[in-house]
Amino acid sequence: MISQTIHAERVLLLGWGRALLLQFAHPAVAQGIVDHSEFLRDRRARWTRLRRTLDAMLALTYGAPPRADAVARGINAVHDRVHGRVGGAPYSAHDPALLGWVHATLVESFLLAYELYVAPLSPAERDRYCLETAGIEPRLGIPDGQLPRRMDELTRYVRGMLEGPDLRITEPARRLAAELFRPVPRAMLPAMWLARLPAVGLLPARLRAEYGFTWHPRHAVALHLSARAIRGALWFLPMSVRHWKAARRGLDGATS
């Protein structure tokens, strides 16, 4: 499964910041995080949220069906509590439209990160990844056929969202984005710099401007050079470092 190949890579974390910034750009998503998460109140909550999302992704990708079903029930239980109002309109984390946007941001960002830092994918592999990841629909209560099954469908959907009225950078979105890149201990500064490059550089130009992020040619050069260095380094890393433990177990089982 191409999703197992892609999700195995730890370096995929460098695509997560972009996905979050895209998610924050939906006012209902941003408001839901502000209302129901410790993201802004506890710096550790950023890493807790990342760890929880990562564990869920690995379980859904590599876990046996009972494990994947249990993780999906846990996600749905969290979503049960996430509802409120934004701009006078109700929102719910069970809304298929919101779930579809969050899904699309992750799928597109992971594909971009994989091809930037690991290796190119063929059109057939991109289509297969979209198809495999769309299998989450029944577990999250998303109507059958809503999620993109091909890369061209994903591209059209994201473009339509960017050109339509649903996305805008609200004050909650700016607060969340600022927290995402808030200064960290000095020892973590190089890692934060490395994570910020693709998060901002791969962001659609419209949203990058609305967030107020600066992006100059020297940043693009830094992104290109750092990506080339990481691609080269991956060849020399042992799989115990390069791949997630759950992925190594899953891939070993698939080939044994």
Protein backbone atom coordinates (compact mmCIF):
# COMPACT_ATOMS: atom_id res chain seq x y z
CA MET A 1 0.00 0.00 0.00
CA ILE A 2 1.40 3.36 -0.99
CA SER A 3 -0.04 4.97 2.15
CA GLN A 4 2.11 2.64 4.26
CA THR A 5 5.20 3.61 2.28
CA ILE A 6 4.51 7.34 2.64
CA HIS A 7 3.39 7.35 6.27
CA ALA A 8 6.45 5.35 7.33
CA GLU A 9 8.73 8.37 6.93
CA ARG A 10 9.41 10.44 10.06
CA VAL A 11 10.42 13.35 7.83
CA LEU A 12 6.76 13.68 6.89
CA LEU A 13 6.46 15.72 10.09
CA LEU A 14 7.86 18.62 8.06
CA GLY A 15 4.54 18.73 6.19
CA TRP A 16 2.45 19.00 9.34
CA GLY A 17 2.90 22.74 9.88
CA ARG A 18 1.53 23.53 6.43
CA ALA A 19 -1.48 21.28 7.03
CA LEU A 20 -2.22 23.03 10.33
CA LEU A 21 -1.98 26.50 8.80
CA LEU A 22 -4.44 25.43 6.09
CA GLN A 23 -6.77 24.03 8.74
CA PHE A 24 -6.59 27.22 10.82
CA ALA A 25 -7.65 29.15 7.70
CA HIS A 26 -11.15 27.70 8.05
CA PRO A 27 -12.87 29.89 10.68
CA ALA A 28 -14.87 26.99 12.13
CA VAL A 29 -11.76 24.82 12.54
CA ALA A 30 -9.80 27.66 14.15
CA GLN A 31 -12.67 28.50 16.50
CA GLY A 32 -13.11 24.87 17.47
CA ILE A 33 -9.44 24.62 18.46
CA VAL A 34 -9.59 27.87 20.44
CA ASP A 35 -12.80 26.82 22.21
CA HIS A 36 -11.98 23.21 22.98
CA SER A 37 -8.19 22.79 22.99
CA GLU A 38 -5.34 23.79 25.27
CA PHE A 39 -3.33 24.77 22.17
CA LEU A 40 -3.15 28.45 23.17
CA ARG A 41 -3.05 28.00 26.92
CA ASP A 42 -0.40 25.31 27.28
CA ARG A 43 2.65 25.16 25.02
CA ARG A 44 2.89 21.42 25.64
CA ALA A 45 -0.57 21.06 24.11
CA ARG A 46 0.94 21.64 20.65
CA TRP A 47 3.08 18.54 21.06
CA THR A 48 0.26 16.59 22.70
CA ARG A 49 -1.99 17.34 19.73
CA LEU A 50 0.75 16.34 17.29
CA ARG A 51 1.47 13.11 19.19
CA ARG A 52 -2.20 12.20 19.36
CA THR A 53 -2.74 12.86 15.66
CA LEU A 54 0.42 10.97 14.75
CA ASP A 55 -0.54 7.94 16.85
CA ALA A 56 -3.98 7.91 15.24
CA MET A 57 -2.51 8.10 11.73
CA LEU A 58 -0.11 5.22 12.41
CA ALA A 59 -2.84 3.07 13.97
CA LEU A 60 -5.20 3.71 11.04
CA THR A 61 -2.43 2.97 8.54
CA TYR A 62 -0.73 -0.05 10.10
CA GLY A 63 -3.06 -1.33 12.79
CA ALA A 64 -5.29 -4.38 12.52
CA PRO A 65 -8.97 -3.54 11.86
CA PRO A 66 -10.00 -3.80 15.55
CA ARG A 67 -7.24 -1.37 16.53
CA ALA A 68 -8.12 1.03 13.71
CA ASP A 69 -11.81 0.86 14.65
CA ALA A 70 -10.97 1.64 18.28
CA VAL A 71 -8.88 4.66 17.27
CA ALA A 72 -11.69 5.93 15.06
CA ARG A 73 -14.15 5.60 17.95
CA GLY A 74 -11.76 7.64 20.08
CA ILE A 75 -11.59 10.35 17.43
CA ASN A 76 -15.38 10.42 17.18
CA ALA A 77 -15.67 10.67 20.97
CA VAL A 78 -13.43 13.74 20.95
CA HIS A 79 -15.47 15.23 18.11
CA ASP A 80 -18.64 14.69 20.16
CA ARG A 81 -17.46 17.44 22.50
CA VAL A 82 -16.34 19.92 19.84
CA HIS A 83 -19.20 22.17 18.84
CA GLY A 84 -20.16 25.80 19.24
CA ARG A 85 -20.76 28.93 17.19
CA VAL A 86 -18.56 31.06 14.96
CA GLY A 87 -19.78 34.25 13.34
CA GLY A 88 -23.29 33.47 14.54
CA ALA A 89 -23.37 30.09 12.79
CA PRO A 90 -23.11 26.70 14.53
CA TYR A 91 -20.15 24.45 13.97
CA SER A 92 -19.51 20.81 14.83
CA ALA A 93 -16.42 18.66 14.49
CA HIS A 94 -18.70 15.99 13.01
CA ASP A 95 -19.54 18.27 10.07
CA PRO A 96 -18.48 16.30 6.95
CA ALA A 97 -17.40 19.54 5.27
CA LEU A 98 -14.94 20.33 8.08
CA LEU A 99 -13.72 16.74 8.23
CA GLY A 100 -13.21 16.82 4.48
CA TRP A 101 -11.12 19.99 4.67
CA VAL A 102 -8.91 18.67 7.47
CA HIS A 103 -8.44 15.42 5.54
CA ALA A 104 -7.51 17.25 2.33
CA THR A 105 -4.95 19.46 4.08
CA LEU A 106 -3.18 16.42 5.48
CA VAL A 107 -3.26 14.39 2.27
CA GLU A 108 -1.97 17.23 0.11
CA SER A 109 0.66 18.32 2.63
CA PHE A 110 1.96 14.79 3.14
CA LEU A 111 2.26 14.29 -0.61
CA LEU A 112 4.15 17.56 -0.97
CA ALA A 113 6.46 16.73 1.94
CA TYR A 114 7.16 13.21 0.70
CA GLU A 115 8.06 14.38 -2.79
CA LEU A 116 10.14 17.28 -1.46
CA TYR A 117 12.12 15.34 1.12
CA VAL A 118 12.00 11.67 0.10
CA ALA A 119 11.33 10.83 -3.55
CA PRO A 120 9.04 11.70 -6.47
CA LEU A 121 5.79 9.81 -6.91
CA SER A 122 4.17 8.74 -10.16
CA PRO A 123 0.69 10.00 -11.06
CA ALA A 124 -0.62 6.50 -10.38
CA GLU A 125 0.95 6.49 -6.91
CA ARG A 126 -0.59 9.87 -6.08
CA ASP A 127 -3.99 8.61 -7.20
CA ARG A 128 -3.56 5.44 -5.17
CA TYR A 129 -2.66 7.42 -2.06
CA CYS A 130 -5.80 9.53 -2.42
CA LEU A 131 -7.90 6.39 -2.84
CA GLU A 132 -6.38 4.60 0.14
CA THR A 133 -6.67 7.56 2.50
CA ALA A 134 -10.31 8.10 1.47
CA GLY A 135 -11.04 4.77 3.15
CA ILE A 136 -11.43 6.68 6.43
CA GLU A 137 -14.92 7.83 5.37
CA PRO A 138 -17.08 5.17 7.08
CA ARG A 139 -15.08 5.28 10.31
CA LEU A 140 -15.61 9.03 10.74
CA GLY A 141 -19.16 9.19 9.41
CA ILE A 142 -18.21 11.00 6.20
CA PRO A 143 -20.66 10.35 3.35
CA ASP A 144 -19.44 7.75 0.88
CA GLY A 145 -17.65 9.30 -2.06
CA GLN A 146 -17.08 12.75 -0.52
CA LEU A 147 -13.30 12.51 -0.12
CA PRO A 148 -11.11 12.80 -3.23
CA ARG A 149 -10.14 9.48 -4.80
CA ARG A 150 -7.69 10.90 -7.35
CA MET A 151 -5.08 13.62 -7.35
CA ASP A 152 -6.98 15.76 -9.84
CA GLU A 153 -10.04 15.62 -7.57
CA LEU A 154 -7.92 16.68 -4.60
CA THR A 155 -6.37 19.53 -6.58
CA ARG A 156 -9.76 20.80 -7.77
CA TYR A 157 -11.21 20.62 -4.28
CA VAL A 158 -8.34 22.54 -2.65
CA ARG A 159 -8.34 25.12 -5.45
CA GLY A 160 -12.08 25.59 -5.05
CA MET A 161 -11.67 26.13 -1.31
CA LEU A 162 -8.91 28.68 -1.88
CA GLU A 163 -10.94 30.56 -4.48
CA GLY A 164 -14.21 30.36 -2.57
CA PRO A 165 -15.56 32.18 0.49
CA ASP A 166 -15.01 29.49 3.12
CA LEU A 167 -11.37 30.24 3.97
CA ARG A 168 -10.22 33.43 5.63
CA ILE A 169 -7.60 34.24 8.21
CA THR A 170 -9.47 35.25 11.36
CA GLU A 171 -8.00 36.51 14.62
CA PRO A 172 -8.16 32.99 16.15
CA ALA A 173 -6.25 31.68 13.12
CA ARG A 174 -3.52 34.29 13.60
CA ARG A 175 -3.24 33.48 17.29
CA LEU A 176 -2.92 29.77 16.53
CA ALA A 177 -0.33 30.39 13.80
CA ALA A 178 1.71 32.59 16.12
CA GLU A 179 1.64 29.89 18.79
CA LEU A 180 2.70 27.28 16.24
CA PHE A 181 5.97 29.13 15.65
CA ARG A 182 6.42 30.65 19.10
CA PRO A 183 10.08 30.73 20.22
CA VAL A 184 11.29 27.49 21.72
CA PRO A 185 14.35 26.65 23.84
CA ARG A 186 17.59 27.61 22.10
CA ALA A 187 18.49 23.98 21.45
CA MET A 188 15.28 23.60 19.41
CA LEU A 189 15.76 26.67 17.22
CA PRO A 190 17.34 24.83 14.25
CA ALA A 191 14.49 22.29 14.23
CA MET A 192 11.89 25.06 14.41
CA TRP A 193 13.60 26.94 11.57
CA LEU A 194 13.61 23.76 9.48
CA ALA A 195 9.92 23.11 10.19
CA ARG A 196 8.90 26.69 9.42
CA LEU A 197 10.47 26.67 5.95
CA PRO A 198 8.05 24.18 4.33
CA ALA A 199 5.11 25.29 6.48
CA VAL A 200 5.34 28.80 5.06
CA GLY A 201 7.02 28.10 1.74
CA LEU A 202 4.55 25.45 0.59
CA LEU A 203 1.53 27.43 1.76
CA PRO A 204 -0.64 28.87 -1.04
CA ALA A 205 0.47 32.44 -1.75
CA ARG A 206 -2.93 33.92 -0.88
CA LEU A 207 -2.96 32.47 2.63
CA ARG A 208 0.72 33.22 3.19
CA ALA A 209 -0.02 36.88 2.47
CA GLU A 210 -3.15 36.92 4.65
CA TYR A 211 -1.24 35.41 7.56
CA GLY A 212 1.41 38.10 7.07
CA PHE A 213 4.29 35.67 6.63
CA THR A 214 7.33 37.01 4.83
CA TRP A 215 8.82 34.92 2.05
CA HIS A 216 11.82 36.09 0.06
CA PRO A 217 13.93 34.40 -2.63
CA ARG A 218 16.54 33.53 -0.01
CA HIS A 219 13.89 31.56 1.88
CA ALA A 220 13.08 29.60 -1.28
CA VAL A 221 16.78 28.85 -1.75
CA ALA A 222 17.05 27.70 1.87
CA LEU A 223 14.04 25.41 1.43
CA HIS A 224 15.51 23.90 -1.74
CA LEU A 225 18.97 23.36 -0.26
CA SER A 226 17.70 21.93 3.03
CA ALA A 227 15.37 19.55 1.18
CA ARG A 228 18.22 18.35 -1.02
CA ALA A 229 20.40 17.78 2.03
CA ILE A 230 17.67 15.83 3.81
CA ARG A 231 16.97 13.66 0.74
CA GLY A 232 20.63 12.79 0.56
CA ALA A 233 20.91 12.07 4.28
CA LEU A 234 17.92 9.71 4.28
CA TRP A 235 19.84 7.18 2.19
CA PHE A 236 22.39 6.76 4.99
CA LEU A 237 19.99 6.57 7.92
CA PRO A 238 19.10 3.18 9.38
CA MET A 239 15.41 2.31 9.11
CA SER A 240 15.18 2.39 12.91
CA VAL A 241 15.81 6.14 12.68
CA ARG A 242 14.13 6.93 9.38
CA HIS A 243 10.85 5.06 9.89
CA TRP A 244 8.30 5.01 12.72
CA LYS A 245 8.33 1.89 14.88
CA ALA A 246 4.70 1.10 14.02
CA ALA A 247 5.55 1.43 10.35
CA ARG A 248 8.54 -0.92 10.61
CA ARG A 249 6.35 -3.55 12.24
CA GLY A 250 3.63 -3.08 9.66
CA LEU A 251 5.92 -3.13 6.66
CA ASP A 252 7.78 -6.18 7.98
CA GLY A 253 4.49 -8.01 8.41
CA ALA A 254 3.37 -7.08 4.93
CA THR A 255 6.53 -8.52 3.37
CA SER A 256 6.96 -11.62 5.53
